[in-house]
Amino acid sequence: MRHECIVHAKIWAEKCQRGSVPPFQWSFEAGTIGYGQVDEMLRSLYAMPKTRALWRIGGWSFQGKEVLPLQAADVMAYEAYKYVEK
C-alpha cells in the first residue's frame, strides 16, 4: 500500500505541476509491517539517478507516532478503510 503513495504522488506531480515539483521528502511510521520493504524499494530507486529523478525521491525517514503528520495519516487511512469496508 505504501508504494501506491509514491505512485500517486508521481502522477499528481506530473499532472498538476508539469514537472516543476521538487523531490519529495518521504516520512513513514517506524516499525510498521512492511517498513523494511519500503526502505529497500526507496534505496533501490534512489541508487540510480534517473529513477531518483523520475520518482522525485529526495529522501526518506521512518519516525515514531509522536510526529503529528503521521498521526493524521493514520486517521485518514483508518477512515478510508472504514469507507471501503462499507
N, C-alpha and C. Protein backbone atom coordinates (compact mmCIF):
# COMPACT_ATOMS: atom_id res chain seq x y z
N MET A 1 0.82 -1.19 0.00
CA MET A 1 0.00 0.00 0.00
C MET A 1 0.87 1.26 0.00
N ARG A 2 1.98 1.24 0.72
CA ARG A 2 2.82 2.44 0.79
C ARG A 2 3.41 2.81 -0.56
N HIS A 3 3.67 1.80 -1.39
CA HIS A 3 4.22 2.11 -2.71
C HIS A 3 3.21 2.88 -3.55
N GLU A 4 1.92 2.67 -3.28
CA GLU A 4 0.89 3.41 -4.01
C GLU A 4 0.97 4.91 -3.72
N CYS A 5 1.38 5.28 -2.53
CA CYS A 5 1.56 6.70 -2.20
C CYS A 5 2.59 7.32 -3.14
N ILE A 6 3.66 6.62 -3.36
CA ILE A 6 4.73 7.12 -4.22
C ILE A 6 4.26 7.22 -5.66
N VAL A 7 3.53 6.21 -6.11
CA VAL A 7 3.00 6.22 -7.48
C VAL A 7 2.04 7.39 -7.67
N HIS A 8 1.11 7.56 -6.73
CA HIS A 8 0.13 8.63 -6.86
C HIS A 8 0.76 10.02 -6.73
N ALA A 9 1.78 10.14 -5.90
CA ALA A 9 2.47 11.43 -5.79
C ALA A 9 3.16 11.77 -7.12
N LYS A 10 3.74 10.78 -7.75
CA LYS A 10 4.39 10.99 -9.05
C LYS A 10 3.35 11.42 -10.09
N ILE A 11 2.23 10.73 -10.14
CA ILE A 11 1.16 11.07 -11.08
C ILE A 11 0.67 12.49 -10.83
N TRP A 12 0.44 12.83 -9.56
CA TRP A 12 -0.01 14.19 -9.23
C TRP A 12 1.00 15.23 -9.70
N ALA A 13 2.27 14.99 -9.42
CA ALA A 13 3.30 15.96 -9.78
C ALA A 13 3.35 16.15 -11.30
N GLU A 14 3.23 15.07 -12.03
CA GLU A 14 3.27 15.16 -13.49
C GLU A 14 2.03 15.85 -14.05
N LYS A 15 0.90 15.54 -13.47
CA LYS A 15 -0.37 16.06 -14.00
C LYS A 15 -0.60 17.52 -13.61
N CYS A 16 -0.41 17.83 -12.36
CA CYS A 16 -0.76 19.16 -11.85
C CYS A 16 0.36 20.18 -11.93
N GLN A 17 1.57 19.75 -11.83
CA GLN A 17 2.67 20.69 -11.74
C GLN A 17 3.60 20.68 -12.95
N ARG A 18 3.32 19.84 -13.90
CA ARG A 18 4.09 19.77 -15.14
C ARG A 18 5.60 19.66 -14.91
N GLY A 19 5.99 18.83 -13.96
CA GLY A 19 7.40 18.56 -13.74
C GLY A 19 8.16 19.56 -12.89
N SER A 20 7.50 20.60 -12.41
CA SER A 20 8.21 21.62 -11.64
C SER A 20 8.25 21.34 -10.13
N VAL A 21 7.77 20.19 -9.73
CA VAL A 21 7.74 19.84 -8.32
C VAL A 21 9.12 19.34 -7.89
N PRO A 22 9.66 19.87 -6.80
CA PRO A 22 10.96 19.38 -6.32
C PRO A 22 10.82 17.96 -5.77
N PRO A 23 11.93 17.28 -5.55
CA PRO A 23 11.87 15.93 -4.99
C PRO A 23 11.14 15.92 -3.64
N PHE A 24 10.45 14.84 -3.39
CA PHE A 24 9.69 14.68 -2.14
C PHE A 24 10.59 14.14 -1.04
N GLN A 25 10.33 14.59 0.18
CA GLN A 25 10.95 14.04 1.38
C GLN A 25 9.88 13.17 2.04
N TRP A 26 10.04 11.87 1.97
CA TRP A 26 9.04 10.93 2.47
C TRP A 26 9.26 10.63 3.94
N SER A 27 8.17 10.47 4.67
CA SER A 27 8.24 10.10 6.08
C SER A 27 7.21 9.01 6.34
N PHE A 28 7.67 7.90 6.89
CA PHE A 28 6.80 6.77 7.19
C PHE A 28 6.91 6.44 8.67
N GLU A 29 5.92 5.73 9.17
CA GLU A 29 5.94 5.34 10.57
C GLU A 29 6.95 4.21 10.78
N ALA A 30 7.80 4.38 11.76
CA ALA A 30 8.83 3.37 12.06
C ALA A 30 8.20 2.14 12.70
N GLY A 31 8.73 1.00 12.34
CA GLY A 31 8.33 -0.24 12.98
C GLY A 31 7.06 -0.87 12.48
N THR A 32 6.41 -0.30 11.49
CA THR A 32 5.18 -0.90 10.98
C THR A 32 5.51 -2.09 10.08
N ILE A 33 4.53 -2.93 9.87
CA ILE A 33 4.70 -4.08 8.99
C ILE A 33 5.05 -3.57 7.58
N GLY A 34 6.09 -4.11 7.01
CA GLY A 34 6.48 -3.75 5.66
C GLY A 34 7.44 -2.59 5.54
N TYR A 35 7.83 -1.99 6.66
CA TYR A 35 8.72 -0.83 6.53
C TYR A 35 10.08 -1.22 5.95
N GLY A 36 10.51 -2.43 6.17
CA GLY A 36 11.77 -2.90 5.60
C GLY A 36 11.71 -2.96 4.08
N GLN A 37 10.57 -3.41 3.55
CA GLN A 37 10.40 -3.47 2.10
C GLN A 37 10.34 -2.08 1.50
N VAL A 38 9.69 -1.15 2.20
CA VAL A 38 9.62 0.23 1.72
C VAL A 38 11.02 0.83 1.69
N ASP A 39 11.78 0.61 2.73
CA ASP A 39 13.15 1.13 2.78
C ASP A 39 13.99 0.53 1.65
N GLU A 40 13.86 -0.75 1.42
CA GLU A 40 14.60 -1.42 0.34
C GLU A 40 14.21 -0.85 -1.03
N MET A 41 12.91 -0.66 -1.24
CA MET A 41 12.43 -0.10 -2.50
C MET A 41 13.00 1.30 -2.73
N LEU A 42 12.92 2.15 -1.72
CA LEU A 42 13.42 3.51 -1.86
C LEU A 42 14.93 3.54 -2.06
N ARG A 43 15.65 2.67 -1.40
CA ARG A 43 17.10 2.59 -1.60
C ARG A 43 17.42 2.22 -3.05
N SER A 44 16.68 1.27 -3.58
CA SER A 44 16.90 0.84 -4.97
C SER A 44 16.61 1.97 -5.94
N LEU A 45 15.50 2.67 -5.74
CA LEU A 45 15.14 3.77 -6.63
C LEU A 45 16.13 4.93 -6.50
N TYR A 46 16.56 5.20 -5.29
CA TYR A 46 17.46 6.33 -5.03
C TYR A 46 18.86 6.07 -5.58
N ALA A 47 19.26 4.81 -5.64
CA ALA A 47 20.61 4.46 -6.06
C ALA A 47 20.90 4.84 -7.51
N MET A 48 19.87 4.94 -8.32
CA MET A 48 20.06 5.26 -9.74
C MET A 48 19.55 6.68 -10.00
N PRO A 49 20.41 7.59 -10.40
CA PRO A 49 20.00 8.99 -10.58
C PRO A 49 18.77 9.18 -11.47
N LYS A 50 18.64 8.39 -12.53
CA LYS A 50 17.48 8.54 -13.42
C LYS A 50 16.18 8.17 -12.72
N THR A 51 16.19 7.06 -11.99
CA THR A 51 14.96 6.67 -11.29
C THR A 51 14.69 7.59 -10.11
N ARG A 52 15.75 8.05 -9.47
CA ARG A 52 15.58 9.01 -8.36
C ARG A 52 14.85 10.26 -8.86
N ALA A 53 15.26 10.78 -10.01
CA ALA A 53 14.62 11.96 -10.58
C ALA A 53 13.22 11.65 -11.07
N LEU A 54 13.05 10.52 -11.73
CA LEU A 54 11.74 10.13 -12.27
C LEU A 54 10.69 10.04 -11.17
N TRP A 55 11.06 9.43 -10.05
CA TRP A 55 10.13 9.24 -8.93
C TRP A 55 10.19 10.36 -7.90
N ARG A 56 11.02 11.37 -8.17
CA ARG A 56 11.14 12.56 -7.31
C ARG A 56 11.42 12.19 -5.86
N ILE A 57 12.42 11.36 -5.66
CA ILE A 57 12.77 10.92 -4.31
C ILE A 57 13.93 11.77 -3.82
N GLY A 58 13.64 12.62 -2.85
CA GLY A 58 14.67 13.46 -2.26
C GLY A 58 15.30 12.81 -1.05
N GLY A 59 14.50 12.07 -0.32
CA GLY A 59 14.97 11.39 0.88
C GLY A 59 13.79 10.76 1.59
N TRP A 60 14.07 10.01 2.64
CA TRP A 60 13.01 9.36 3.39
C TRP A 60 13.50 9.08 4.80
N SER A 61 12.52 8.92 5.67
CA SER A 61 12.83 8.60 7.06
C SER A 61 11.69 7.78 7.64
N PHE A 62 11.99 7.14 8.74
CA PHE A 62 10.98 6.39 9.49
C PHE A 62 10.96 6.98 10.89
N GLN A 63 9.78 7.44 11.31
CA GLN A 63 9.67 8.13 12.60
C GLN A 63 8.54 7.55 13.42
N GLY A 64 8.52 7.91 14.69
CA GLY A 64 7.51 7.40 15.61
C GLY A 64 6.17 8.11 15.47
N LYS A 65 5.17 7.55 16.13
CA LYS A 65 3.81 8.09 16.06
C LYS A 65 3.67 9.47 16.69
N GLU A 66 4.67 9.92 17.42
CA GLU A 66 4.57 11.24 18.03
C GLU A 66 4.65 12.35 16.98
N VAL A 67 5.02 12.02 15.76
CA VAL A 67 5.08 13.01 14.67
C VAL A 67 3.66 13.25 14.17
N LEU A 68 3.18 14.48 14.30
CA LEU A 68 1.78 14.79 14.00
C LEU A 68 1.33 14.43 12.59
N PRO A 69 2.10 14.68 11.55
CA PRO A 69 1.63 14.28 10.22
C PRO A 69 1.40 12.77 10.10
N LEU A 70 2.16 11.97 10.84
CA LEU A 70 1.93 10.53 10.80
C LEU A 70 0.64 10.17 11.51
N GLN A 71 0.29 10.90 12.56
CA GLN A 71 -0.98 10.68 13.23
C GLN A 71 -2.13 11.01 12.29
N ALA A 72 -2.00 12.09 11.55
CA ALA A 72 -3.03 12.47 10.59
C ALA A 72 -3.16 11.41 9.49
N ALA A 73 -2.04 10.89 9.04
CA ALA A 73 -2.08 9.85 8.01
C ALA A 73 -2.77 8.59 8.53
N ASP A 74 -2.53 8.25 9.79
CA ASP A 74 -3.21 7.10 10.39
C ASP A 74 -4.72 7.30 10.42
N VAL A 75 -5.16 8.49 10.79
CA VAL A 75 -6.60 8.78 10.83
C VAL A 75 -7.19 8.66 9.43
N MET A 76 -6.51 9.22 8.44
CA MET A 76 -7.01 9.15 7.06
C MET A 76 -7.08 7.70 6.58
N ALA A 77 -6.06 6.92 6.87
CA ALA A 77 -6.05 5.52 6.46
C ALA A 77 -7.19 4.75 7.13
N TYR A 78 -7.40 5.01 8.40
CA TYR A 78 -8.48 4.35 9.14
C TYR A 78 -9.85 4.70 8.56
N GLU A 79 -10.06 5.98 8.30
CA GLU A 79 -11.34 6.42 7.74
C GLU A 79 -11.56 5.86 6.34
N ALA A 80 -10.51 5.82 5.54
CA ALA A 80 -10.62 5.25 4.20
C ALA A 80 -10.94 3.76 4.27
N TYR A 81 -10.32 3.06 5.21
CA TYR A 81 -10.58 1.64 5.38
C TYR A 81 -12.05 1.39 5.76
N LYS A 82 -12.56 2.19 6.69
CA LYS A 82 -13.98 2.06 7.08
C LYS A 82 -14.89 2.30 5.88
N TYR A 83 -14.58 3.30 5.08
CA TYR A 83 -15.39 3.62 3.90
C TYR A 83 -15.40 2.48 2.89
N VAL A 84 -14.22 1.90 2.64
CA VAL A 84 -14.11 0.80 1.68
C VAL A 84 -14.84 -0.43 2.19
N GLU A 85 -14.77 -0.70 3.47
CA GLU A 85 -15.44 -1.84 4.05
C GLU A 85 -16.96 -1.77 3.91
N LYS A 86 -17.50 -0.55 3.91
CA LYS A 86 -18.96 -0.40 3.78
C LYS A 86 -19.34 -0.57 2.34
